[in-house]
Amino acid sequence: MELGEVKIRRVKSSELNELYHLITTDEEWTKFNGPYFPYSTPTFNEFAKGTFSRLCDGSDMRLITVNDMPVGSVSYYWECEVTRWLEVGVIIYSSNFWGKGLAAKALPQWISHLFSTLEIERVGLTTWSGNPRMMACAEKLGLQQEARLRKVRYYKGDYYDSVKYGVLRSEWERRNYKASR
């Protein structure tokens, strides 16, 4: 399947029903997105006031689309805003789009946007050893593995590592400069 044009954008208010359906119908994505943290399917109103509102605002969360069809989201959160320690995340909700390099096309857009709009020197990405596709994506994009906390994530009877990646603004600019030559 040809991937098509991958973009990140704010949601349109008309997409509320479609996105709620996307996120809650096939919740297989929750098995990879920190499944050791509690998750429960949001009600329609909870989704509208929470995630959808954030996607509309677009400052800390954006929609990932393929040929303008919603398939996932990118986001960031402050690990420590005072010290400007920021972490990003990516979720591909539709399992039909897994393993196609979609996150590797969406994350660079998001990281470049964050470096161009926020006063930060580093973007971090934390995943777990139970999500090897995310680890491979981070490495493919040039993020450095900065830490591995061994056996700190317990899930379904097994221990997993927490794996922390990061990229500095100078490294990102150098990487993008070389890629555009």
C-alpha atoms as a PDB file:
ATOM      1  CA  MET A   1       0.000   0.000   0.000  1.00  0.00           C
ATOM      2  CA  GLU A   2       1.370   3.399  -1.007  1.00  0.00           C
ATOM      3  CA  LEU A   3       1.494   5.667   2.031  1.00  0.00           C
ATOM      4  CA  GLY A   4       0.621   8.947   0.320  1.00  0.00           C
ATOM      5  CA  GLU A   5       1.063  12.433   1.735  1.00  0.00           C
ATOM      6  CA  VAL A   6       1.685  12.469   5.491  1.00  0.00           C
ATOM      7  CA  LYS A   7       0.959  15.740   7.293  1.00  0.00           C
ATOM      8  CA  ILE A   8       0.309  17.002  10.779  1.00  0.00           C
ATOM      9  CA  ARG A   9      -2.372  19.615  11.425  1.00  0.00           C
ATOM     10  CA  ARG A  10      -5.002  20.907  13.809  1.00  0.00           C
ATOM     11  CA  VAL A  11      -8.311  19.061  13.653  1.00  0.00           C
ATOM     12  CA  LYS A  12     -11.412  20.522  12.116  1.00  0.00           C
ATOM     13  CA  SER A  13     -14.434  20.849  14.400  1.00  0.00           C
ATOM     14  CA  SER A  14     -16.373  18.695  11.924  1.00  0.00           C
ATOM     15  CA  GLU A  15     -14.042  15.748  12.654  1.00  0.00           C
ATOM     16  CA  LEU A  16     -15.186  15.101  16.235  1.00  0.00           C
ATOM     17  CA  ASN A  17     -17.304  12.005  15.509  1.00  0.00           C
ATOM     18  CA  GLU A  18     -14.779  10.554  13.058  1.00  0.00           C
ATOM     19  CA  LEU A  19     -11.890  10.935  15.497  1.00  0.00           C
ATOM     20  CA  TYR A  20     -13.798   9.525  18.453  1.00  0.00           C
ATOM     21  CA  HIS A  21     -14.624   6.499  16.337  1.00  0.00           C
ATOM     22  CA  LEU A  22     -10.982   6.174  15.163  1.00  0.00           C
ATOM     23  CA  ILE A  23      -9.562   6.294  18.685  1.00  0.00           C
ATOM     24  CA  THR A  24     -12.133   4.097  20.425  1.00  0.00           C
ATOM     25  CA  THR A  25     -13.058   1.436  17.852  1.00  0.00           C
ATOM     26  CA  ASP A  26      -9.663  -0.230  17.418  1.00  0.00           C
ATOM     27  CA  GLU A  27      -7.880   0.220  20.746  1.00  0.00           C
ATOM     28  CA  GLU A  28      -5.031  -2.135  19.861  1.00  0.00           C
ATOM     29  CA  TRP A  29      -2.790   0.974  19.985  1.00  0.00           C
ATOM     30  CA  THR A  30      -3.140   1.038  23.780  1.00  0.00           C
ATOM     31  CA  LYS A  31      -1.010  -2.130  23.983  1.00  0.00           C
ATOM     32  CA  PHE A  32       2.033  -0.148  22.805  1.00  0.00           C
ATOM     33  CA  ASN A  33       1.380   3.324  24.219  1.00  0.00           C
ATOM     34  CA  GLY A  34       2.586   2.767  27.774  1.00  0.00           C
ATOM     35  CA  PRO A  35       0.166  -0.079  28.529  1.00  0.00           C
ATOM     36  CA  TYR A  36       1.511  -0.315  32.089  1.00  0.00           C
ATOM     37  CA  PHE A  37      -0.316   2.984  32.827  1.00  0.00           C
ATOM     38  CA  PRO A  38      -4.054   2.740  33.482  1.00  0.00           C
ATOM     39  CA  TYR A  39      -6.266   3.446  30.461  1.00  0.00           C
ATOM     40  CA  SER A  40      -9.997   3.442  30.048  1.00  0.00           C
ATOM     41  CA  THR A  41     -11.964   4.315  26.940  1.00  0.00           C
ATOM     42  CA  PRO A  42     -13.126   7.916  27.236  1.00  0.00           C
ATOM     43  CA  THR A  43     -16.792   8.766  26.919  1.00  0.00           C
ATOM     44  CA  PHE A  44     -17.695  10.926  23.951  1.00  0.00           C
ATOM     45  CA  ASN A  45     -17.907  14.004  26.207  1.00  0.00           C
ATOM     46  CA  GLU A  46     -14.581  13.234  27.911  1.00  0.00           C
ATOM     47  CA  PHE A  47     -12.960  12.887  24.500  1.00  0.00           C
ATOM     48  CA  ALA A  48     -14.537  16.123  23.224  1.00  0.00           C
ATOM     49  CA  LYS A  49     -13.389  18.124  26.253  1.00  0.00           C
ATOM     50  CA  GLY A  50      -9.944  16.479  26.492  1.00  0.00           C
ATOM     51  CA  THR A  51      -8.080  15.061  23.520  1.00  0.00           C
ATOM     52  CA  PHE A  52     -10.269  16.657  20.847  1.00  0.00           C
ATOM     53  CA  SER A  53      -9.990  20.077  22.477  1.00  0.00           C
ATOM     54  CA  ARG A  54      -6.194  19.720  22.552  1.00  0.00           C
ATOM     55  CA  LEU A  55      -6.180  18.669  18.883  1.00  0.00           C
ATOM     56  CA  CYS A  56      -8.294  21.719  17.992  1.00  0.00           C
ATOM     57  CA  ASP A  57      -5.940  24.044  19.866  1.00  0.00           C
ATOM     58  CA  GLY A  58      -2.951  22.390  18.187  1.00  0.00           C
ATOM     59  CA  SER A  59      -0.296  23.782  20.501  1.00  0.00           C
ATOM     60  CA  ASP A  60       0.650  20.554  22.310  1.00  0.00           C
ATOM     61  CA  MET A  61      -1.063  17.971  20.097  1.00  0.00           C
ATOM     62  CA  ARG A  62      -1.702  17.633  16.364  1.00  0.00           C
ATOM     63  CA  LEU A  63      -3.455  15.182  14.097  1.00  0.00           C
ATOM     64  CA  ILE A  64      -1.490  12.949  11.723  1.00  0.00           C
ATOM     65  CA  THR A  65      -3.153  12.490   8.345  1.00  0.00           C
ATOM     66  CA  VAL A  66      -2.463  10.422   5.245  1.00  0.00           C
ATOM     67  CA  ASN A  67      -3.953  12.116   2.194  1.00  0.00           C
ATOM     68  CA  ASP A  68      -5.937  14.217   4.716  1.00  0.00           C
ATOM     69  CA  MET A  69      -7.435  11.105   6.362  1.00  0.00           C
ATOM     70  CA  PRO A  70      -6.888  11.087  10.170  1.00  0.00           C
ATOM     71  CA  VAL A  71      -4.775   8.143  11.370  1.00  0.00           C
ATOM     72  CA  GLY A  72      -2.902   9.274  14.487  1.00  0.00           C
ATOM     73  CA  SER A  73      -1.514  12.093  16.578  1.00  0.00           C
ATOM     74  CA  VAL A  74       1.712  13.694  17.750  1.00  0.00           C
ATOM     75  CA  SER A  75       2.015  15.472  21.072  1.00  0.00           C
ATOM     76  CA  TYR A  76       4.393  16.891  23.604  1.00  0.00           C
ATOM     77  CA  TYR A  77       4.431  17.324  27.346  1.00  0.00           C
ATOM     78  CA  TRP A  78       6.743  19.008  29.787  1.00  0.00           C
ATOM     79  CA  GLU A  79       8.791  16.669  31.909  1.00  0.00           C
ATOM     80  CA  CYS A  80       9.920  19.890  33.633  1.00  0.00           C
ATOM     81  CA  GLU A  81       8.809  23.184  32.067  1.00  0.00           C
ATOM     82  CA  VAL A  82      11.049  25.280  34.350  1.00  0.00           C
ATOM     83  CA  THR A  83      14.132  23.605  32.871  1.00  0.00           C
ATOM     84  CA  ARG A  84      12.559  23.331  29.390  1.00  0.00           C
ATOM     85  CA  TRP A  85      12.657  19.514  29.408  1.00  0.00           C
ATOM     86  CA  LEU A  86      10.177  18.476  26.752  1.00  0.00           C
ATOM     87  CA  GLU A  87       9.120  14.992  25.619  1.00  0.00           C
ATOM     88  CA  VAL A  88       7.244  14.062  22.433  1.00  0.00           C
ATOM     89  CA  GLY A  89       4.938  11.215  21.632  1.00  0.00           C
ATOM     90  CA  VAL A  90       3.297   9.705  18.592  1.00  0.00           C
ATOM     91  CA  ILE A  91       0.345   7.346  18.278  1.00  0.00           C
ATOM     92  CA  ILE A  92      -0.922   5.672  15.135  1.00  0.00           C
ATOM     93  CA  TYR A  93      -4.477   4.716  16.105  1.00  0.00           C
ATOM     94  CA  SER A  94      -5.330   2.743  13.000  1.00  0.00           C
ATOM     95  CA  SER A  95      -3.526  -0.619  13.081  1.00  0.00           C
ATOM     96  CA  ASN A  96      -3.940  -0.736   9.266  1.00  0.00           C
ATOM     97  CA  PHE A  97      -1.172   1.887   9.137  1.00  0.00           C
ATOM     98  CA  TRP A  98       1.319   0.229  11.487  1.00  0.00           C
ATOM     99  CA  GLY A  99       4.736  -0.762  10.179  1.00  0.00           C
ATOM    100  CA  LYS A 100       4.571   1.581   7.184  1.00  0.00           C
ATOM    101  CA  GLY A 101       6.963   4.279   8.396  1.00  0.00           C
ATOM    102  CA  LEU A 102       4.188   6.737   9.163  1.00  0.00           C
ATOM    103  CA  ALA A 103       5.620   7.889  12.520  1.00  0.00           C
ATOM    104  CA  ALA A 104       8.997   8.418  10.821  1.00  0.00           C
ATOM    105  CA  LYS A 105       7.295  10.879   8.450  1.00  0.00           C
ATOM    106  CA  ALA A 106       5.140  12.654  11.049  1.00  0.00           C
ATOM    107  CA  LEU A 107       7.640  13.032  13.903  1.00  0.00           C
ATOM    108  CA  PRO A 108      10.195  15.093  11.918  1.00  0.00           C
ATOM    109  CA  GLN A 109       7.457  17.589  11.053  1.00  0.00           C
ATOM    110  CA  TRP A 110       6.501  17.824  14.722  1.00  0.00           C
ATOM    111  CA  ILE A 111      10.057  18.043  16.048  1.00  0.00           C
ATOM    112  CA  SER A 112      10.946  20.737  13.485  1.00  0.00           C
ATOM    113  CA  HIS A 113       7.787  22.650  14.453  1.00  0.00           C
ATOM    114  CA  LEU A 114       8.683  22.453  18.159  1.00  0.00           C
ATOM    115  CA  PHE A 115      12.243  23.646  17.606  1.00  0.00           C
ATOM    116  CA  SER A 116      10.965  26.539  15.483  1.00  0.00           C
ATOM    117  CA  THR A 117       8.252  27.668  17.921  1.00  0.00           C
ATOM    118  CA  LEU A 118       9.550  26.869  21.416  1.00  0.00           C
ATOM    119  CA  GLU A 119      12.627  28.036  23.270  1.00  0.00           C
ATOM    120  CA  ILE A 120      14.117  24.574  23.813  1.00  0.00           C
ATOM    121  CA  GLU A 121      17.484  22.957  23.146  1.00  0.00           C
ATOM    122  CA  ARG A 122      16.430  19.310  23.281  1.00  0.00           C
ATOM    123  CA  VAL A 123      13.484  17.107  22.345  1.00  0.00           C
ATOM    124  CA  GLY A 124      13.138  13.809  24.165  1.00  0.00           C
ATOM    125  CA  LEU A 125      11.180  10.675  23.371  1.00  0.00           C
ATOM    126  CA  THR A 126      10.629   7.929  25.928  1.00  0.00           C
ATOM    127  CA  THR A 127       9.369   4.489  24.999  1.00  0.00           C
ATOM    128  CA  TRP A 128       9.675   0.970  26.366  1.00  0.00           C
ATOM    129  CA  SER A 129      11.430  -2.170  25.166  1.00  0.00           C
ATOM    130  CA  GLY A 130       8.034  -3.740  24.438  1.00  0.00           C
ATOM    131  CA  ASN A 131       7.681  -1.329  21.499  1.00  0.00           C
ATOM    132  CA  PRO A 132      10.634  -2.145  19.197  1.00  0.00           C
ATOM    133  CA  ARG A 133       9.053  -0.257  16.266  1.00  0.00           C
ATOM    134  CA  MET A 134       9.158   2.992  18.251  1.00  0.00           C
ATOM    135  CA  MET A 135      12.761   2.354  19.257  1.00  0.00           C
ATOM    136  CA  ALA A 136      13.698   1.757  15.598  1.00  0.00           C
ATOM    137  CA  CYS A 137      11.833   4.905  14.543  1.00  0.00           C
ATOM    138  CA  ALA A 138      13.701   7.066  17.073  1.00  0.00           C
ATOM    139  CA  GLU A 139      17.040   5.693  15.911  1.00  0.00           C
ATOM    140  CA  LYS A 140      16.116   6.105  12.242  1.00  0.00           C
ATOM    141  CA  LEU A 141      15.367   9.786  12.888  1.00  0.00           C
ATOM    142  CA  GLY A 142      18.759  10.336  14.504  1.00  0.00           C
ATOM    143  CA  LEU A 143      17.662  10.526  18.119  1.00  0.00           C
ATOM    144  CA  GLN A 144      20.347   9.250  20.477  1.00  0.00           C
ATOM    145  CA  GLN A 145      19.606   6.632  23.103  1.00  0.00           C
ATOM    146  CA  GLU A 146      20.443   8.563  26.264  1.00  0.00           C
ATOM    147  CA  ALA A 147      19.254   6.165  28.945  1.00  0.00           C
ATOM    148  CA  ARG A 148      17.913   2.682  29.470  1.00  0.00           C
ATOM    149  CA  LEU A 149      16.274   1.994  32.806  1.00  0.00           C
ATOM    150  CA  ARG A 150      16.299  -1.753  33.019  1.00  0.00           C
ATOM    151  CA  LYS A 151      13.225  -3.726  34.039  1.00  0.00           C
ATOM    152  CA  VAL A 152      11.198  -0.773  35.368  1.00  0.00           C
ATOM    153  CA  ARG A 153       8.009  -1.401  33.361  1.00  0.00           C
ATOM    154  CA  TYR A 154       5.973  -4.374  34.517  1.00  0.00           C
ATOM    155  CA  TYR A 155       3.315  -5.522  32.079  1.00  0.00           C
ATOM    156  CA  LYS A 156       1.406  -8.801  31.872  1.00  0.00           C
ATOM    157  CA  GLY A 157       3.848 -10.721  34.042  1.00  0.00           C
ATOM    158  CA  ASP A 158       7.045  -9.472  32.383  1.00  0.00           C
ATOM    159  CA  TYR A 159       9.516  -6.674  33.066  1.00  0.00           C
ATOM    160  CA  TYR A 160      10.537  -4.244  30.311  1.00  0.00           C
ATOM    161  CA  ASP A 161      13.066  -1.432  30.034  1.00  0.00           C
ATOM    162  CA  SER A 162      12.188   2.250  29.792  1.00  0.00           C
ATOM    163  CA  VAL A 163      14.254   3.636  26.905  1.00  0.00           C
ATOM    164  CA  LYS A 164      14.958   7.358  26.603  1.00  0.00           C
ATOM    165  CA  TYR A 165      16.017   9.059  23.385  1.00  0.00           C
ATOM    166  CA  GLY A 166      16.861  12.671  22.657  1.00  0.00           C
ATOM    167  CA  VAL A 167      18.036  15.066  20.003  1.00  0.00           C
ATOM    168  CA  LEU A 168      19.614  18.481  20.489  1.00  0.00           C
ATOM    169  CA  ARG A 169      18.597  21.464  18.386  1.00  0.00           C
ATOM    170  CA  SER A 170      22.095  21.636  16.825  1.00  0.00           C
ATOM    171  CA  GLU A 171      21.986  17.914  15.934  1.00  0.00           C
ATOM    172  CA  TRP A 172      18.507  18.280  14.436  1.00  0.00           C
ATOM    173  CA  GLU A 173      19.478  21.312  12.362  1.00  0.00           C
ATOM    174  CA  ARG A 174      22.630  19.561  11.156  1.00  0.00           C
ATOM    175  CA  ARG A 175      20.628  16.438  10.255  1.00  0.00           C
ATOM    176  CA  ASN A 176      18.016  18.413   8.349  1.00  0.00           C
ATOM    177  CA  TYR A 177      20.654  20.498   6.614  1.00  0.00           C
ATOM    178  CA  LYS A 178      22.436  17.391   5.370  1.00  0.00           C
ATOM    179  CA  ALA A 179      19.143  15.802   4.322  1.00  0.00           C
ATOM    180  CA  SER A 180      18.176  18.834   2.227  1.00  0.00           C
ATOM    181  CA  ARG A 181      21.470  19.092   0.270  1.00  0.00           C
END
